[in-house]
Each structure stands twice: as structure tokens, then as C-alpha cells.
Protein backbone atom coordinates (compact mmCIF):
# COMPACT_ATOMS: atom_id res chain seq x y z
CA MET A 1 59.91 -9.31 -11.74
CA LEU A 2 57.64 -10.11 -9.26
CA ASP A 3 59.88 -8.19 -6.68
CA GLN A 4 59.71 -4.88 -9.03
CA LEU A 5 56.03 -5.42 -9.03
CA VAL A 6 55.54 -5.38 -5.37
CA VAL A 7 58.01 -2.59 -4.95
CA TYR A 8 56.06 -0.48 -7.70
CA LEU A 9 52.72 -1.08 -6.17
CA GLY A 10 54.20 -0.23 -2.79
CA LEU A 11 55.25 3.35 -4.26
CA VAL A 12 52.06 4.00 -5.83
CA ARG A 13 50.39 3.18 -2.53
CA CYS A 14 52.42 5.67 -0.58
CA SER A 15 51.98 8.53 -3.30
CA LEU A 16 48.17 8.39 -2.97
CA ASP A 17 46.68 10.65 -0.65
CA PHE A 18 43.11 9.55 0.28
CA GLU A 19 42.52 12.38 3.10
CA VAL A 20 39.62 14.53 2.23
CA ARG A 21 40.47 18.34 2.56
CA GLU A 22 37.76 20.69 2.79
CA THR A 23 37.90 23.91 0.95
CA ASP A 24 37.67 27.23 3.07
CA GLU A 25 34.02 27.62 2.17
CA GLN A 26 33.30 24.54 3.48
CA GLU A 27 35.46 24.54 6.70
CA GLU A 28 33.62 28.04 7.49
CA PHE A 29 30.17 26.55 6.43
CA ARG A 30 30.94 23.35 9.03
CA VAL A 31 31.95 25.81 11.81
CA TRP A 32 28.85 28.35 11.39
CA PHE A 33 26.62 25.20 11.17
CA ARG A 34 28.03 23.40 14.19
CA SER A 35 27.36 26.63 15.88
CA TRP A 36 23.66 26.92 14.73
CA LEU A 37 23.09 23.05 15.99
CA GLU A 38 24.53 24.09 19.45
CA GLU A 39 22.15 26.99 19.68
CA ASN A 40 18.86 25.21 18.19
CA ILE A 41 19.37 21.62 19.31
CA PRO A 42 16.60 20.75 21.92
CA LYS A 43 17.59 21.09 25.39
CA ASN A 44 16.81 18.99 28.61
CA MET A 45 15.07 16.52 26.59
CA ASP A 46 14.42 13.12 28.34
CA ILE A 47 15.73 10.51 26.08
CA PRO A 48 15.09 7.18 27.67
CA PRO A 49 18.37 4.93 28.01
CA ASP A 50 16.57 1.62 27.12
CA GLY A 51 14.86 2.24 23.98
CA ARG A 52 11.55 3.11 25.28
CA VAL A 53 8.89 5.20 23.43
CA LEU A 54 9.72 9.07 23.79
CA SER A 55 7.39 11.10 26.09
CA ASP A 56 5.07 13.78 24.66
CA ASP A 57 7.34 16.29 25.69
CA ALA A 58 10.25 14.99 24.21
CA GLN A 59 8.63 14.67 21.05
CA ILE A 60 7.11 18.10 20.77
CA LYS A 61 10.80 19.29 21.23
CA LEU A 62 12.18 16.90 18.64
CA LYS A 63 9.21 18.02 16.17
CA GLU A 64 10.21 21.85 16.74
CA PHE A 65 13.76 20.98 15.98
CA ARG A 66 12.87 18.89 12.67
CA LEU A 67 10.82 22.04 11.60
CA LYS A 68 13.84 24.22 12.32
CA LEU A 69 15.80 22.01 9.99
CA GLY A 70 13.30 21.56 7.47
CA SER A 71 12.17 25.40 7.12
CA LYS A 72 15.99 25.78 5.95
CA GLY A 73 15.78 22.53 3.37
CA TRP A 74 18.35 20.89 5.51
CA LEU A 75 16.45 17.63 5.80
CA ALA A 76 17.08 17.24 2.22
CA PRO A 77 20.01 19.83 1.76
CA SER A 78 20.95 18.98 -1.77
CA TRP A 79 17.26 18.01 -3.21
CA PRO A 80 15.63 20.90 -5.20
CA VAL A 81 14.23 23.74 -3.53
CA ALA A 82 10.66 23.50 -5.19
CA LEU A 83 10.16 19.92 -3.32
CA GLY A 84 11.23 21.34 -0.13
CA GLY A 85 14.95 20.85 -0.23
CA GLY A 86 17.84 23.16 0.32
CA GLY A 87 19.01 23.43 -3.32
CA MET A 88 22.82 23.27 -1.80
CA ASP A 89 25.82 21.88 -3.01
CA VAL A 90 26.34 18.11 -2.37
CA SER A 91 29.55 18.93 -0.45
CA LEU A 92 27.58 21.19 2.04
CA GLY A 93 24.85 18.68 2.39
CA GLU A 94 27.29 16.02 3.30
CA ILE A 95 28.69 18.29 5.98
CA ILE A 96 25.10 18.91 7.41
CA ARG A 97 24.62 15.00 7.46
CA ASP A 98 28.03 14.65 9.11
CA GLU A 99 27.32 17.33 11.90
CA CYS A 100 23.93 15.85 12.45
CA SER A 101 25.02 12.37 12.82
CA LYS A 102 26.98 13.23 15.83
CA LEU A 103 24.18 14.64 17.92
CA ASN A 104 22.95 12.51 20.62
CA LEU A 105 19.39 12.49 19.41
CA PRO A 106 16.81 10.08 18.30
CA THR A 107 16.05 9.67 14.84
CA ILE A 108 13.87 12.57 13.91
CA GLY A 109 11.77 10.58 11.21
CA ASN A 110 13.35 10.41 7.89
CA ASN A 111 11.08 10.50 5.14
CA LEU A 112 13.44 10.06 1.83
CA ARG A 113 13.07 6.58 1.68
CA TRP A 114 9.56 6.70 0.17
CA VAL A 115 9.86 10.00 -1.85
CA PRO A 116 11.72 8.73 -4.69
CA ALA A 117 8.80 6.13 -5.46
CA MET A 118 6.40 8.93 -4.94
CA MET A 119 8.36 10.82 -7.43
CA VAL A 120 8.13 8.09 -10.05
CA TRP A 121 4.45 6.47 -9.29
CA GLY A 122 2.62 9.21 -7.63
CA THR A 123 0.34 11.73 -9.37
CA PRO A 124 0.84 15.55 -9.54
CA GLU A 125 -1.42 16.17 -6.85
CA GLN A 126 0.40 13.31 -4.49
CA LYS A 127 3.58 14.87 -5.20
CA LYS A 128 2.33 17.94 -4.25
CA ASP A 129 0.43 17.02 -1.14
CA TYR A 130 2.96 14.51 0.21
CA ILE A 131 6.43 15.51 -0.64
CA PRO A 132 7.13 19.25 0.10
CA PRO A 133 5.56 18.89 3.70
CA ALA A 134 7.73 15.76 4.58
CA LEU A 135 11.01 17.53 3.06
CA ARG A 136 10.10 20.77 5.17
CA GLY A 137 9.84 18.85 8.44
CA GLU A 138 5.95 19.32 8.77
CA THR A 139 4.90 15.61 8.41
CA VAL A 140 6.52 12.41 9.50
CA THR A 141 5.59 8.93 7.79
CA TRP A 142 5.83 5.50 9.09
CA GLN A 143 6.87 2.69 6.70
CA MET A 144 4.57 -0.27 7.32
CA PHE A 145 5.37 -3.23 5.20
CA SER A 146 6.19 -6.18 7.98
CA GLU A 147 3.44 -8.15 9.81
CA THR A 148 3.84 -10.70 12.76
CA ALA A 149 3.16 -13.54 10.59
CA SER A 150 5.06 -12.85 7.52
CA GLY A 151 7.96 -10.98 8.82
CA SER A 152 10.28 -9.80 6.11
CA ASP A 153 8.49 -11.95 3.69
CA ILE A 154 6.03 -8.88 2.23
CA ALA A 155 4.66 -11.14 -0.57
CA SER A 156 2.78 -12.96 2.40
CA THR A 157 1.13 -9.62 3.25
CA ALA A 158 -2.20 -10.32 4.88
CA THR A 159 -3.52 -6.78 5.31
CA SER A 160 -6.34 -6.38 2.84
CA ALA A 161 -7.51 -3.38 1.27
CA VAL A 162 -10.94 -3.83 -0.30
CA ARG A 163 -12.85 -1.27 -2.79
CA ASP A 164 -16.28 0.22 -1.39
CA GLY A 165 -17.57 2.67 -3.94
CA SER A 166 -14.76 5.29 -4.34
CA ASP A 167 -12.94 4.40 -1.55
CA TRP A 168 -10.96 1.60 0.04
CA LEU A 169 -11.51 -0.20 3.25
CA VAL A 170 -8.05 -1.32 4.97
CA SER A 171 -7.86 -4.00 7.64
CA GLY A 172 -4.84 -5.43 9.06
CA ARG A 173 -2.02 -5.31 11.53
CA LYS A 174 1.35 -4.18 10.98
CA ALA A 175 4.35 -5.29 13.12
CA PHE A 176 8.16 -4.54 14.04
CA ILE A 177 8.10 -0.67 13.54
CA THR A 178 11.23 0.14 15.75
CA GLY A 179 13.18 3.14 16.69
CA ARG A 180 12.49 6.09 18.93
CA THR A 181 10.94 8.82 16.60
CA VAL A 182 7.93 10.93 16.47
CA ASP A 183 4.29 9.79 16.13
CA PRO A 184 3.13 9.54 12.51
CA ASP A 185 1.07 11.77 10.68
CA TYR A 186 0.84 9.14 7.72
CA LEU A 187 1.22 5.60 7.13
CA CYS A 188 3.00 4.21 3.94
CA THR A 189 1.16 0.92 3.98
CA LEU A 190 1.22 -2.12 1.90
CA ALA A 191 -1.95 -4.17 1.47
CA VAL A 192 -3.44 -7.10 -0.69
CA THR A 193 -5.85 -5.34 -3.23
CA ASP A 194 -7.10 -8.59 -4.72
CA HIS A 195 -6.87 -12.02 -3.06
CA ASP A 196 -7.74 -13.88 -6.29
CA ARG A 197 -4.47 -12.44 -7.98
CA PRO A 198 -1.06 -14.19 -7.82
CA ARG A 199 1.38 -13.25 -5.07
CA ARG A 200 3.48 -10.06 -5.52
CA LEU A 201 0.98 -9.24 -8.55
CA ASN A 202 -1.93 -8.57 -5.83
CA LEU A 203 -0.33 -5.77 -3.59
CA GLY A 204 -0.93 -2.15 -3.33
CA VAL A 205 0.62 0.83 -1.44
CA PHE A 206 -1.37 3.51 0.40
CA MET A 207 -0.59 6.78 2.06
CA ILE A 208 -3.19 6.75 5.03
CA ASN A 209 -3.79 9.57 7.23
CA ALA A 210 -2.64 8.36 10.77
CA SER A 211 -5.33 10.23 12.39
CA LEU A 212 -8.25 8.42 10.61
CA PRO A 213 -10.78 6.72 12.52
CA GLY A 214 -9.89 2.57 12.99
CA ILE A 215 -6.36 3.26 13.62
CA SER A 216 -4.61 2.20 16.69
CA ILE A 217 -1.02 2.07 17.55
CA VAL A 218 0.40 -0.06 20.40
CA THR A 219 3.79 -0.19 21.90
CA GLN A 220 5.27 -3.51 22.91
CA SER A 221 8.02 -3.13 25.46
CA LEU A 222 11.00 -5.25 24.84
CA LEU A 223 13.91 -6.17 27.27
CA THR A 224 15.81 -3.34 25.69
CA GLY A 225 13.76 -1.08 23.51
CA SER A 226 10.26 -1.16 21.87
CA GLU A 227 8.34 -1.96 18.86
CA ARG A 228 5.15 -0.34 17.64
CA HIS A 229 2.12 -2.23 16.59
CA VAL A 230 -0.54 -0.63 13.84
CA TYR A 231 -3.99 -2.08 13.97
CA LEU A 232 -6.22 -1.06 10.90
CA ASP A 233 -9.85 -1.81 11.41
CA ASN A 234 -11.94 -1.12 8.26
CA VAL A 235 -10.14 2.35 7.91
CA ARG A 236 -12.04 4.22 4.91
CA ILE A 237 -9.51 5.85 2.81
CA PRO A 238 -10.16 7.69 -0.52
CA THR A 239 -9.01 6.46 -4.02
CA GLY A 240 -6.50 9.18 -4.14
CA CYS A 241 -4.27 7.49 -1.42
CA LEU A 242 -3.18 4.95 -3.66
CA ILE A 243 0.18 5.17 -5.04
CA GLY A 244 0.33 3.89 -8.60
CA ASP A 245 -1.80 0.96 -9.79
CA PRO A 246 -3.50 -1.21 -7.45
CA TYR A 247 -1.38 -3.94 -8.43
CA GLN A 248 2.26 -2.39 -8.43
CA GLY A 249 2.79 -2.65 -5.07
CA TRP A 250 5.49 -5.28 -5.01
CA GLU A 251 7.54 -3.12 -7.49
CA ILE A 252 6.93 -0.05 -5.82
CA VAL A 253 7.85 -1.53 -2.27
CA GLN A 254 11.14 -2.99 -3.95
CA THR A 255 12.25 0.57 -4.94
CA ILE A 256 11.61 1.87 -1.14
CA ILE A 257 13.45 -0.93 0.35
CA GLU A 258 16.59 -0.57 -2.27
CA GLY A 259 17.34 2.58 -0.47
CA GLU A 260 16.30 1.92 3.08
CA ARG A 261 20.02 0.97 4.55
CA GLY A 262 21.14 4.53 3.53
CA GLY A 263 18.03 6.26 4.56
CA GLN A 264 18.79 7.26 8.39
CA PHE A 265 19.24 10.99 8.84
CA PHE A 266 20.89 10.83 12.06
CA ARG A 267 22.44 8.04 13.83
CA GLY A 268 23.72 5.30 12.09
CA THR A 269 23.28 2.30 14.43
CA GLU A 270 20.18 0.87 15.55
CA GLU A 271 19.78 2.93 18.47
CA ALA A 272 17.07 0.50 20.16
CA THR A 273 19.92 -2.03 20.48
CA ILE A 274 23.64 -1.29 20.42
CA ASP A 275 23.40 2.49 21.37
CA SER A 276 20.68 2.05 23.89
CA ILE A 277 22.41 -0.93 25.65
CA LEU A 278 25.73 1.12 25.95
CA GLU A 279 23.99 4.28 27.40
CA TYR A 280 21.98 2.19 29.72
CA LEU A 281 25.11 0.14 31.06
CA ARG A 282 26.91 3.56 31.36
CA GLY A 283 24.01 5.15 33.27
CA GLY A 284 23.75 2.03 35.60
CA SER A 285 27.66 2.08 36.34
CA GLU A 286 27.30 5.59 37.61
CA ASP A 287 24.54 5.11 40.26
């Protein structure tokens, strides 16, 4: 009986065909999109092989390419057009992501991780102000949860947000911001909103304009790659920058982290480590 079952399972396995076959429409779109990429991909862009921060020229070229993609809704191909997405069939969106993943480019700044949280907890004004510009490629948002003393234990956040009239004053230091990407327009920031409340029930999430006074970004060079540290010194932000309730930060951040691993738009590996090391060694072997 056991032998018969083994034979049967073997026949079933052989009869199953897991190869994904594209329709004529999908194949035509892939060929067309690949041609579009070849024509529009940034040319002569200096990409440091050791993971250093991108130069101003490289950032400009990457932003321009990002805007081209975003203007067509290709940063979020299957998302609704009203939000800045492409409103496309999911299968065509997968082709866009697949072809973009093959490009030898740094990450262009993915904004999809915080967007679902904004759609749930954000006000109508916040959704309008933050989501479409991000999906259209007009803005870049850095995620700032980790700190030097707390690491991945976000419940140990020390950065504080103190009410001052109708505003908040935010002070602290965020760290471990890695990856070669363009400089931010906004900082999605976790901060303690009440030091007297219990841990996890004392946190808030803010969307902070990165150009505000009191914000400084410092680069820490590593053996391979780099990390960015962001210092906030009594940064005054309006109440409208708070996402959700002042004490919902833990819940909001958990939903953002939930989808973090699948959030890269371009390269699937950590470019500041494996990819960069391989590129650096290849370059060195040619000298």
C-alpha cells in the first residue's frame, strides 16, 4: 500500500506544471517596459561600490528617474489612480517590479511601508497631503524608529515629543538608517508623548518635514557602507503632523514593521552589505 502511495504521489508531482506562463499581452508589456527602462534609466551615474552616501549628482538623477516612474503610477502599479498609483492589473504590476529589480541602481526610496498605516489612522487632510505626492515620486520619507541605545526595541524609545501650545517640540537622536537612497523630504518618527504613561502606551508617530530648523543628518562611515544618524533639537512641528492618537504609536509602528520585509521596490538584498562587497571586490580585481 505504501509503495502504491509513493508511486501515485510521484505521478501527481510529475503531472503538475508550476511554470508561470505569461499571456501575449503580458509578454508585449514586458518587452515594451524593458525598452522604456533602457531609454529612461539614469546614465553615467556614480554609484559608490562601498555603500557610501550618494553624491548630489547621483541623487538628482535618481530623483528624476523616480519622478518619471511615479508620474505613470509605476511606483505603486496596482494602487488606485486617485492615490497616485497606476490602477493597473496586478500581473502587469508584477512585471514592473520584476524588471526594476534587475536594474543596477540603489533603492529609489520606497514609500509604501508607512502608507497603509496613514490610510488607516491618518486624517483626510493627511492622506491628501502625504500619500499622492509619495506615490507619484515627488517626496521621499525616511522611517525613523531605531535609536542607538534601544536598537530594535522600539518600546525603549527615548526621543520625546512635548506639547507646546498647539505645537509639539521633538528632541532626540535616531540611528541605523541604512541604504544608499536620496535624502528625505519627511521623517516618519516615533517619539514618547508622555513619560508618565506605561511603556508601549506612551508613544506617538509624527510626519516631520525634514527641512525644519533643528534637524541635522550625520553620516557614519562603516567598513563597508554607511549609516545615517538624525538629530532633532527642539524641532517645532504642528499638531497636524501627528498620525492617529498621541498614544497609538506602538500599534501604528507594528503595522508598518509588519510589511517592512517585503517593502523594497528595487533590489532584494541589502546593498550596503552583500551586493556592495561583491561589487567592490569585482572592481578591485580589475585594477
